[in-house]
Amino acid sequence: MVALSKPTLIQELFVNTLTTQIPVIDLSKADSKQLIVKACEDFGFFKVVNHGIPLKLIDKLESEAAKFFDSPESVKAQAGPPDPFGYGNKNIGRNGDVGWLEYLLLDVKRHSTHPQNLNFQCVVDDYVRAVKKMACEILEMMADELKIEARNVFSKLLMDEESDSVFRVNYYPPCPEVKENDGNGNLIGFGEHTDPQIISVLRSDNTSGLQISLKDASWLSVPPDSQSFFINVGDSLQTQAF
């Protein structure tokens, strides 16, 4: 998932920023396997650096996504409404959840769900291929460290032709000024949730906003880093391995 942010509203939550730091895993180091598993056990979340994904590819994806969201509504609407894939605006899913965001949800197996832009489609394909390779490397490191005999026990689920992997780009447009007692005090971008998948791979621009919940129920702000990736352990992996 990629997030492009221009927030003007900060969600009011209790945030622990003084004593806790997000684990940082250097994938080029020999101890990365141990550190990944420890981060999964302690946080369920970590940042990866030296991930091997070219920054040019990351920048191209962000540039093409920005062009899409800067397009007129009539153009973006051609890629929607989401069912479940496609362009969505404010409505999140089918349960009536609302957030201050626009998004593009793509089934990575079906090119027909991409916006009608060949260049965007090619960039997405290249980006997803590179991110999948990195994600498989991380999952296989987990399996090694957990002494699971089949090293690809997790990664094969990601690479399976019937995998339900999806690619999502979230865009957070400027939010109207929130006035006290105007009934909009609870406006947020994308609300509190867990991810049902094995893992989620996240990246954002250099705007803050992402937060994770810790074991003590406090919230930790994740410092933005556009050149790194963040890994969130999904519910499926949490129940199987940790």
C-alpha atoms as a PDB file:
ATOM      1  CA  MET A   1       0.000   0.000   0.000  1.00  0.00           C
ATOM      2  CA  VAL A   2       1.179   3.515  -0.766  1.00  0.00           C
ATOM      3  CA  ALA A   3      -0.064   6.632   0.994  1.00  0.00           C
ATOM      4  CA  LEU A   4       0.110  10.122  -0.492  1.00  0.00           C
ATOM      5  CA  SER A   5      -0.719  12.644   2.167  1.00  0.00           C
ATOM      6  CA  LYS A   6      -1.593  16.313   2.471  1.00  0.00           C
ATOM      7  CA  PRO A   7      -3.287  16.238   5.874  1.00  0.00           C
ATOM      8  CA  THR A   8      -4.550  19.323   7.649  1.00  0.00           C
ATOM      9  CA  LEU A   9      -6.154  17.390  10.480  1.00  0.00           C
ATOM     10  CA  ILE A  10      -4.439  15.389  13.207  1.00  0.00           C
ATOM     11  CA  GLN A  11      -6.398  12.676  14.965  1.00  0.00           C
ATOM     12  CA  GLU A  12      -6.382  13.221  18.726  1.00  0.00           C
ATOM     13  CA  LEU A  13      -5.084  10.058  20.328  1.00  0.00           C
ATOM     14  CA  PHE A  14      -2.838   9.287  23.269  1.00  0.00           C
ATOM     15  CA  VAL A  15       0.547   8.909  21.575  1.00  0.00           C
ATOM     16  CA  ASN A  16       3.659   7.467  23.178  1.00  0.00           C
ATOM     17  CA  THR A  17       6.593   9.184  21.467  1.00  0.00           C
ATOM     18  CA  LEU A  18       9.204   9.346  24.229  1.00  0.00           C
ATOM     19  CA  THR A  19      10.185   5.817  25.218  1.00  0.00           C
ATOM     20  CA  THR A  20       9.411   3.616  22.225  1.00  0.00           C
ATOM     21  CA  GLN A  21      10.957   3.443  18.783  1.00  0.00           C
ATOM     22  CA  ILE A  22       9.877   1.533  15.698  1.00  0.00           C
ATOM     23  CA  PRO A  23      12.250  -1.420  15.064  1.00  0.00           C
ATOM     24  CA  VAL A  24      14.449  -0.841  12.023  1.00  0.00           C
ATOM     25  CA  ILE A  25      15.620  -3.914  10.098  1.00  0.00           C
ATOM     26  CA  ASP A  26      18.553  -3.659   7.703  1.00  0.00           C
ATOM     27  CA  LEU A  27      17.901  -6.489   5.247  1.00  0.00           C
ATOM     28  CA  SER A  28      21.568  -6.534   4.243  1.00  0.00           C
ATOM     29  CA  LYS A  29      22.761  -7.499   7.745  1.00  0.00           C
ATOM     30  CA  ALA A  30      23.354 -11.033   8.956  1.00  0.00           C
ATOM     31  CA  ASP A  31      21.201 -10.602  12.066  1.00  0.00           C
ATOM     32  CA  SER A  32      18.122  -9.439  10.159  1.00  0.00           C
ATOM     33  CA  LYS A  33      16.296 -12.773  10.623  1.00  0.00           C
ATOM     34  CA  GLN A  34      16.490 -12.614  14.405  1.00  0.00           C
ATOM     35  CA  LEU A  35      15.534  -8.943  14.491  1.00  0.00           C
ATOM     36  CA  ILE A  36      12.541  -9.496  12.204  1.00  0.00           C
ATOM     37  CA  VAL A  37      11.084 -12.205  14.448  1.00  0.00           C
ATOM     38  CA  LYS A  38      11.721 -10.145  17.595  1.00  0.00           C
ATOM     39  CA  ALA A  39      10.004  -7.136  15.994  1.00  0.00           C
ATOM     40  CA  CYS A  40       7.035  -9.331  15.053  1.00  0.00           C
ATOM     41  CA  GLU A  41       6.761 -10.663  18.601  1.00  0.00           C
ATOM     42  CA  ASP A  42       7.187  -7.300  20.337  1.00  0.00           C
ATOM     43  CA  PHE A  43       5.433  -4.929  17.919  1.00  0.00           C
ATOM     44  CA  GLY A  44       3.924  -6.730  14.963  1.00  0.00           C
ATOM     45  CA  PHE A  45       5.374  -3.849  12.963  1.00  0.00           C
ATOM     46  CA  PHE A  46       8.815  -2.753  11.723  1.00  0.00           C
ATOM     47  CA  LYS A  47      10.666  -0.659   9.157  1.00  0.00           C
ATOM     48  CA  VAL A  48      12.993  -2.159   6.554  1.00  0.00           C
ATOM     49  CA  VAL A  49      15.977  -0.417   4.974  1.00  0.00           C
ATOM     50  CA  ASN A  50      18.420  -1.618   2.318  1.00  0.00           C
ATOM     51  CA  HIS A  51      15.438  -3.377   0.780  1.00  0.00           C
ATOM     52  CA  GLY A  52      16.790  -3.470  -2.758  1.00  0.00           C
ATOM     53  CA  ILE A  53      13.854  -1.711  -4.431  1.00  0.00           C
ATOM     54  CA  PRO A  54      15.191   1.072  -6.700  1.00  0.00           C
ATOM     55  CA  LEU A  55      14.243   4.557  -5.536  1.00  0.00           C
ATOM     56  CA  LYS A  56      13.598   5.506  -9.175  1.00  0.00           C
ATOM     57  CA  LEU A  57      10.828   2.910  -9.292  1.00  0.00           C
ATOM     58  CA  ILE A  58       9.353   4.201  -6.031  1.00  0.00           C
ATOM     59  CA  ASP A  59       9.439   7.791  -7.313  1.00  0.00           C
ATOM     60  CA  LYS A  60       7.821   6.796 -10.635  1.00  0.00           C
ATOM     61  CA  LEU A  61       4.976   5.054  -8.856  1.00  0.00           C
ATOM     62  CA  GLU A  62       4.358   8.033  -6.581  1.00  0.00           C
ATOM     63  CA  SER A  63       4.481  10.434  -9.538  1.00  0.00           C
ATOM     64  CA  GLU A  64       1.966   8.435 -11.580  1.00  0.00           C
ATOM     65  CA  ALA A  65      -0.330   8.024  -8.579  1.00  0.00           C
ATOM     66  CA  ALA A  66      -0.198  11.762  -7.887  1.00  0.00           C
ATOM     67  CA  LYS A  67      -1.132  12.476 -11.501  1.00  0.00           C
ATOM     68  CA  PHE A  68      -4.133  10.189 -11.184  1.00  0.00           C
ATOM     69  CA  PHE A  69      -5.433  11.827  -8.006  1.00  0.00           C
ATOM     70  CA  ASP A  70      -4.834  15.293  -9.463  1.00  0.00           C
ATOM     71  CA  SER A  71      -7.066  14.396 -12.408  1.00  0.00           C
ATOM     72  CA  PRO A  72     -10.596  15.819 -12.717  1.00  0.00           C
ATOM     73  CA  GLU A  73     -13.297  13.864 -10.888  1.00  0.00           C
ATOM     74  CA  SER A  74     -14.796  12.830 -14.216  1.00  0.00           C
ATOM     75  CA  VAL A  75     -11.532  11.101 -15.147  1.00  0.00           C
ATOM     76  CA  LYS A  76     -11.079   9.392 -11.762  1.00  0.00           C
ATOM     77  CA  ALA A  77     -14.696   8.246 -11.792  1.00  0.00           C
ATOM     78  CA  GLN A  78     -13.929   6.151 -14.889  1.00  0.00           C
ATOM     79  CA  ALA A  79     -11.883   3.864 -12.599  1.00  0.00           C
ATOM     80  CA  GLY A  80     -14.782   3.443 -10.132  1.00  0.00           C
ATOM     81  CA  PRO A  81     -16.937   2.902  -8.269  1.00  0.00           C
ATOM     82  CA  PRO A  82     -15.016   0.255  -6.274  1.00  0.00           C
ATOM     83  CA  ASP A  83     -16.678  -3.162  -6.422  1.00  0.00           C
ATOM     84  CA  PRO A  84     -14.485  -3.890  -4.533  1.00  0.00           C
ATOM     85  CA  PHE A  85     -11.673  -2.816  -6.888  1.00  0.00           C
ATOM     86  CA  GLY A  86     -11.410   0.600  -8.457  1.00  0.00           C
ATOM     87  CA  TYR A  87     -11.471   4.239  -7.410  1.00  0.00           C
ATOM     88  CA  GLY A  88     -13.200   5.196  -4.176  1.00  0.00           C
ATOM     89  CA  ASN A  89     -13.847   8.499  -2.475  1.00  0.00           C
ATOM     90  CA  LYS A  90     -14.534   8.686   1.290  1.00  0.00           C
ATOM     91  CA  ASN A  91     -16.595   5.495   1.505  1.00  0.00           C
ATOM     92  CA  ILE A  92     -14.413   2.655   2.817  1.00  0.00           C
ATOM     93  CA  GLY A  93     -15.696  -0.844   2.164  1.00  0.00           C
ATOM     94  CA  ARG A  94     -19.299  -1.952   2.338  1.00  0.00           C
ATOM     95  CA  ASN A  95     -20.061  -1.329   6.012  1.00  0.00           C
ATOM     96  CA  GLY A  96     -20.731   2.384   5.793  1.00  0.00           C
ATOM     97  CA  ASP A  97     -17.294   3.439   7.089  1.00  0.00           C
ATOM     98  CA  VAL A  98     -16.276   6.917   5.985  1.00  0.00           C
ATOM     99  CA  GLY A  99     -12.809   8.478   5.915  1.00  0.00           C
ATOM    100  CA  TRP A 100     -11.351  11.700   4.585  1.00  0.00           C
ATOM    101  CA  LEU A 101      -9.492  10.076   1.716  1.00  0.00           C
ATOM    102  CA  GLU A 102      -9.514   8.974  -1.887  1.00  0.00           C
ATOM    103  CA  TYR A 103      -8.111   5.604  -2.833  1.00  0.00           C
ATOM    104  CA  LEU A 104      -7.390   3.244  -5.667  1.00  0.00           C
ATOM    105  CA  LEU A 105      -7.705  -0.480  -4.912  1.00  0.00           C
ATOM    106  CA  LEU A 106      -6.308  -2.814  -7.554  1.00  0.00           C
ATOM    107  CA  ASP A 107      -6.350  -6.573  -7.970  1.00  0.00           C
ATOM    108  CA  VAL A 108      -2.747  -7.218  -8.976  1.00  0.00           C
ATOM    109  CA  LYS A 109      -3.770 -10.289 -10.991  1.00  0.00           C
ATOM    110  CA  ARG A 110      -6.175  -8.409 -13.272  1.00  0.00           C
ATOM    111  CA  HIS A 111      -4.901  -5.630 -15.514  1.00  0.00           C
ATOM    112  CA  SER A 112      -8.445  -4.609 -16.381  1.00  0.00           C
ATOM    113  CA  THR A 113      -8.858  -3.025 -12.952  1.00  0.00           C
ATOM    114  CA  HIS A 114      -6.073  -0.539 -13.532  1.00  0.00           C
ATOM    115  CA  PRO A 115      -6.895   3.032 -14.569  1.00  0.00           C
ATOM    116  CA  GLN A 116      -7.055   3.472 -18.320  1.00  0.00           C
ATOM    117  CA  ASN A 117      -3.449   4.614 -18.445  1.00  0.00           C
ATOM    118  CA  LEU A 118      -0.875   2.245 -19.904  1.00  0.00           C
ATOM    119  CA  ASN A 119       2.091   3.989 -18.296  1.00  0.00           C
ATOM    120  CA  PHE A 120       0.474   3.840 -14.852  1.00  0.00           C
ATOM    121  CA  GLN A 121      -0.311   0.155 -15.373  1.00  0.00           C
ATOM    122  CA  CYS A 122       3.290  -0.650 -16.293  1.00  0.00           C
ATOM    123  CA  VAL A 123       4.677   1.241 -13.305  1.00  0.00           C
ATOM    124  CA  VAL A 124       2.267  -0.523 -10.951  1.00  0.00           C
ATOM    125  CA  ASP A 125       3.223  -3.923 -12.384  1.00  0.00           C
ATOM    126  CA  ASP A 126       6.953  -3.237 -11.937  1.00  0.00           C
ATOM    127  CA  TYR A 127       6.447  -1.852  -8.440  1.00  0.00           C
ATOM    128  CA  VAL A 128       4.262  -4.740  -7.263  1.00  0.00           C
ATOM    129  CA  ARG A 129       6.722  -7.283  -8.672  1.00  0.00           C
ATOM    130  CA  ALA A 130       9.614  -5.689  -6.751  1.00  0.00           C
ATOM    131  CA  VAL A 131       7.633  -5.362  -3.507  1.00  0.00           C
ATOM    132  CA  LYS A 132       6.471  -8.985  -3.720  1.00  0.00           C
ATOM    133  CA  LYS A 133      10.087 -10.120  -4.083  1.00  0.00           C
ATOM    134  CA  MET A 134      11.060  -8.159  -0.957  1.00  0.00           C
ATOM    135  CA  ALA A 135       8.029  -9.443   0.968  1.00  0.00           C
ATOM    136  CA  CYS A 136       8.882 -13.058   0.071  1.00  0.00           C
ATOM    137  CA  GLU A 137      12.441 -12.533   1.290  1.00  0.00           C
ATOM    138  CA  ILE A 138      11.136 -11.236   4.615  1.00  0.00           C
ATOM    139  CA  LEU A 139       8.634 -14.085   4.996  1.00  0.00           C
ATOM    140  CA  GLU A 140      11.318 -16.675   4.270  1.00  0.00           C
ATOM    141  CA  MET A 141      13.616 -15.073   6.849  1.00  0.00           C
ATOM    142  CA  MET A 142      10.789 -15.419   9.370  1.00  0.00           C
ATOM    143  CA  ALA A 143      10.350 -19.085   8.533  1.00  0.00           C
ATOM    144  CA  ASP A 144      14.107 -19.701   8.870  1.00  0.00           C
ATOM    145  CA  GLU A 145      14.304 -18.079  12.276  1.00  0.00           C
ATOM    146  CA  LEU A 146      11.157 -19.846  13.491  1.00  0.00           C
ATOM    147  CA  LYS A 147      12.746 -23.159  12.427  1.00  0.00           C
ATOM    148  CA  ILE A 148       9.868 -23.982  10.105  1.00  0.00           C
ATOM    149  CA  GLU A 149      11.019 -26.768   7.808  1.00  0.00           C
ATOM    150  CA  ALA A 150       9.413 -25.500   4.617  1.00  0.00           C
ATOM    151  CA  ARG A 151      11.169 -22.184   4.093  1.00  0.00           C
ATOM    152  CA  ASN A 152       8.522 -21.006   1.637  1.00  0.00           C
ATOM    153  CA  VAL A 153       5.565 -21.896   3.872  1.00  0.00           C
ATOM    154  CA  PHE A 154       4.490 -18.240   3.973  1.00  0.00           C
ATOM    155  CA  SER A 155       5.981 -16.839   0.788  1.00  0.00           C
ATOM    156  CA  LYS A 156       4.290 -19.445  -1.433  1.00  0.00           C
ATOM    157  CA  LEU A 157       0.926 -18.038  -0.339  1.00  0.00           C
ATOM    158  CA  LEU A 158       1.972 -14.655  -1.662  1.00  0.00           C
ATOM    159  CA  MET A 159       3.273 -16.015  -4.977  1.00  0.00           C
ATOM    160  CA  ASP A 160       0.366 -18.397  -5.597  1.00  0.00           C
ATOM    161  CA  GLU A 161      -1.580 -17.588  -8.761  1.00  0.00           C
ATOM    162  CA  GLU A 162      -4.754 -17.534  -6.676  1.00  0.00           C
ATOM    163  CA  SER A 163      -3.267 -15.205  -4.079  1.00  0.00           C
ATOM    164  CA  ASP A 164      -5.673 -12.505  -2.898  1.00  0.00           C
ATOM    165  CA  SER A 165      -2.932  -9.877  -2.801  1.00  0.00           C
ATOM    166  CA  VAL A 166      -4.121  -6.371  -3.563  1.00  0.00           C
ATOM    167  CA  PHE A 167      -2.459  -3.049  -4.203  1.00  0.00           C
ATOM    168  CA  ARG A 168      -3.901   0.074  -2.636  1.00  0.00           C
ATOM    169  CA  VAL A 169      -2.976   3.733  -2.978  1.00  0.00           C
ATOM    170  CA  ASN A 170      -4.468   6.089  -0.403  1.00  0.00           C
ATOM    171  CA  TYR A 171      -4.550   9.832  -1.023  1.00  0.00           C
ATOM    172  CA  TYR A 172      -5.446  12.195   1.810  1.00  0.00           C
ATOM    173  CA  PRO A 173      -6.588  15.523   0.321  1.00  0.00           C
ATOM    174  CA  PRO A 174      -6.572  18.728   2.333  1.00  0.00           C
ATOM    175  CA  CYS A 175      -9.314  18.585   4.931  1.00  0.00           C
ATOM    176  CA  PRO A 176     -11.578  21.587   5.612  1.00  0.00           C
ATOM    177  CA  GLU A 177     -10.760  23.409   8.795  1.00  0.00           C
ATOM    178  CA  VAL A 178     -12.440  21.677  11.696  1.00  0.00           C
ATOM    179  CA  LYS A 179     -14.166  24.053  14.072  1.00  0.00           C
ATOM    180  CA  GLU A 180     -14.961  23.146  17.629  1.00  0.00           C
ATOM    181  CA  ASN A 181     -18.467  21.721  18.090  1.00  0.00           C
ATOM    182  CA  ASP A 182     -19.194  21.716  14.366  1.00  0.00           C
ATOM    183  CA  GLY A 183     -19.903  17.967  14.386  1.00  0.00           C
ATOM    184  CA  ASN A 184     -16.811  17.094  12.332  1.00  0.00           C
ATOM    185  CA  GLY A 185     -14.354  16.739  15.182  1.00  0.00           C
ATOM    186  CA  ASN A 186     -13.920  13.014  14.558  1.00  0.00           C
ATOM    187  CA  LEU A 187     -12.900  13.292  10.913  1.00  0.00           C
ATOM    188  CA  ILE A 188      -9.971  10.966  10.196  1.00  0.00           C
ATOM    189  CA  GLY A 189      -8.284   9.643   7.095  1.00  0.00           C
ATOM    190  CA  PHE A 190      -8.346   5.871   7.536  1.00  0.00           C
ATOM    191  CA  GLY A 191      -9.625   4.726  10.913  1.00  0.00           C
ATOM    192  CA  GLU A 192      -8.397   2.210  13.459  1.00  0.00           C
ATOM    193  CA  HIS A 193      -8.204  -1.318  11.999  1.00  0.00           C
ATOM    194  CA  THR A 194      -6.211  -4.521  11.721  1.00  0.00           C
ATOM    195  CA  ASP A 195      -5.130  -6.131   8.455  1.00  0.00           C
ATOM    196  CA  PRO A 196      -6.484  -9.639   7.773  1.00  0.00           C
ATOM    197  CA  GLN A 197      -3.670 -10.606   5.394  1.00  0.00           C
ATOM    198  CA  ILE A 198      -0.345 -12.323   6.124  1.00  0.00           C
ATOM    199  CA  ILE A 199       1.545  -9.048   5.965  1.00  0.00           C
ATOM    200  CA  SER A 200       0.943  -5.550   4.654  1.00  0.00           C
ATOM    201  CA  VAL A 201       3.766  -3.583   3.046  1.00  0.00           C
ATOM    202  CA  LEU A 202       3.350   0.156   3.573  1.00  0.00           C
ATOM    203  CA  ARG A 203       5.123   3.209   2.225  1.00  0.00           C
ATOM    204  CA  SER A 204       4.265   6.878   2.468  1.00  0.00           C
ATOM    205  CA  ASP A 205       5.602  10.218   1.403  1.00  0.00           C
ATOM    206  CA  ASN A 206       7.319  12.358   4.025  1.00  0.00           C
ATOM    207  CA  THR A 207       4.091  13.454   5.719  1.00  0.00           C
ATOM    208  CA  SER A 208       3.331  12.047   9.166  1.00  0.00           C
ATOM    209  CA  GLY A 209      -0.008  10.561  10.178  1.00  0.00           C
ATOM    210  CA  LEU A 210       0.452   6.794  10.499  1.00  0.00           C
ATOM    211  CA  GLN A 211       0.089   5.400  14.033  1.00  0.00           C
ATOM    212  CA  ILE A 212       0.193   1.903  15.516  1.00  0.00           C
ATOM    213  CA  SER A 213      -1.360   0.561  18.705  1.00  0.00           C
ATOM    214  CA  LEU A 214       1.027  -0.917  21.266  1.00  0.00           C
ATOM    215  CA  LYS A 215       0.431  -3.760  23.712  1.00  0.00           C
ATOM    216  CA  ASP A 216      -0.447  -1.300  26.475  1.00  0.00           C
ATOM    217  CA  ALA A 217      -3.176   0.190  24.226  1.00  0.00           C
ATOM    218  CA  SER A 218      -1.258   3.457  23.744  1.00  0.00           C
ATOM    219  CA  TRP A 219      -0.621   4.794  20.253  1.00  0.00           C
ATOM    220  CA  LEU A 220       2.772   5.338  18.680  1.00  0.00           C
ATOM    221  CA  SER A 221       3.345   7.771  15.812  1.00  0.00           C
ATOM    222  CA  VAL A 222       5.404   6.276  12.987  1.00  0.00           C
ATOM    223  CA  PRO A 223       7.999   8.785  11.735  1.00  0.00           C
ATOM    224  CA  PRO A 224       7.591   9.049   7.942  1.00  0.00           C
ATOM    225  CA  ASP A 225      10.386   7.843   5.693  1.00  0.00           C
ATOM    226  CA  SER A 226       9.650   7.845   1.971  1.00  0.00           C
ATOM    227  CA  GLN A 227      12.727   5.768   1.118  1.00  0.00           C
ATOM    228  CA  SER A 228      11.916   2.854   3.435  1.00  0.00           C
ATOM    229  CA  PHE A 229       9.097   0.339   3.754  1.00  0.00           C
ATOM    230  CA  PHE A 230       7.042  -0.568   6.800  1.00  0.00           C
ATOM    231  CA  ILE A 231       5.831  -4.109   7.440  1.00  0.00           C
ATOM    232  CA  ASN A 232       2.653  -4.791   9.394  1.00  0.00           C
ATOM    233  CA  VAL A 233       2.027  -8.355  10.578  1.00  0.00           C
ATOM    234  CA  GLY A 234      -1.491  -9.274   9.514  1.00  0.00           C
ATOM    235  CA  ASP A 235      -4.052 -11.255  11.472  1.00  0.00           C
ATOM    236  CA  SER A 236      -3.444 -14.445   9.447  1.00  0.00           C
ATOM    237  CA  LEU A 237       0.290 -14.569  10.218  1.00  0.00           C
ATOM    238  CA  GLN A 238      -0.269 -13.471  13.814  1.00  0.00           C
ATOM    239  CA  THR A 239      -2.477 -16.484  14.497  1.00  0.00           C
ATOM    240  CA  GLN A 240      -0.184 -18.946  12.687  1.00  0.00           C
ATOM    241  CA  ALA A 241       3.249 -17.952  13.911  1.00  0.00           C
ATOM    242  CA  PHE A 242       3.299 -15.450  16.735  1.00  0.00           C
END
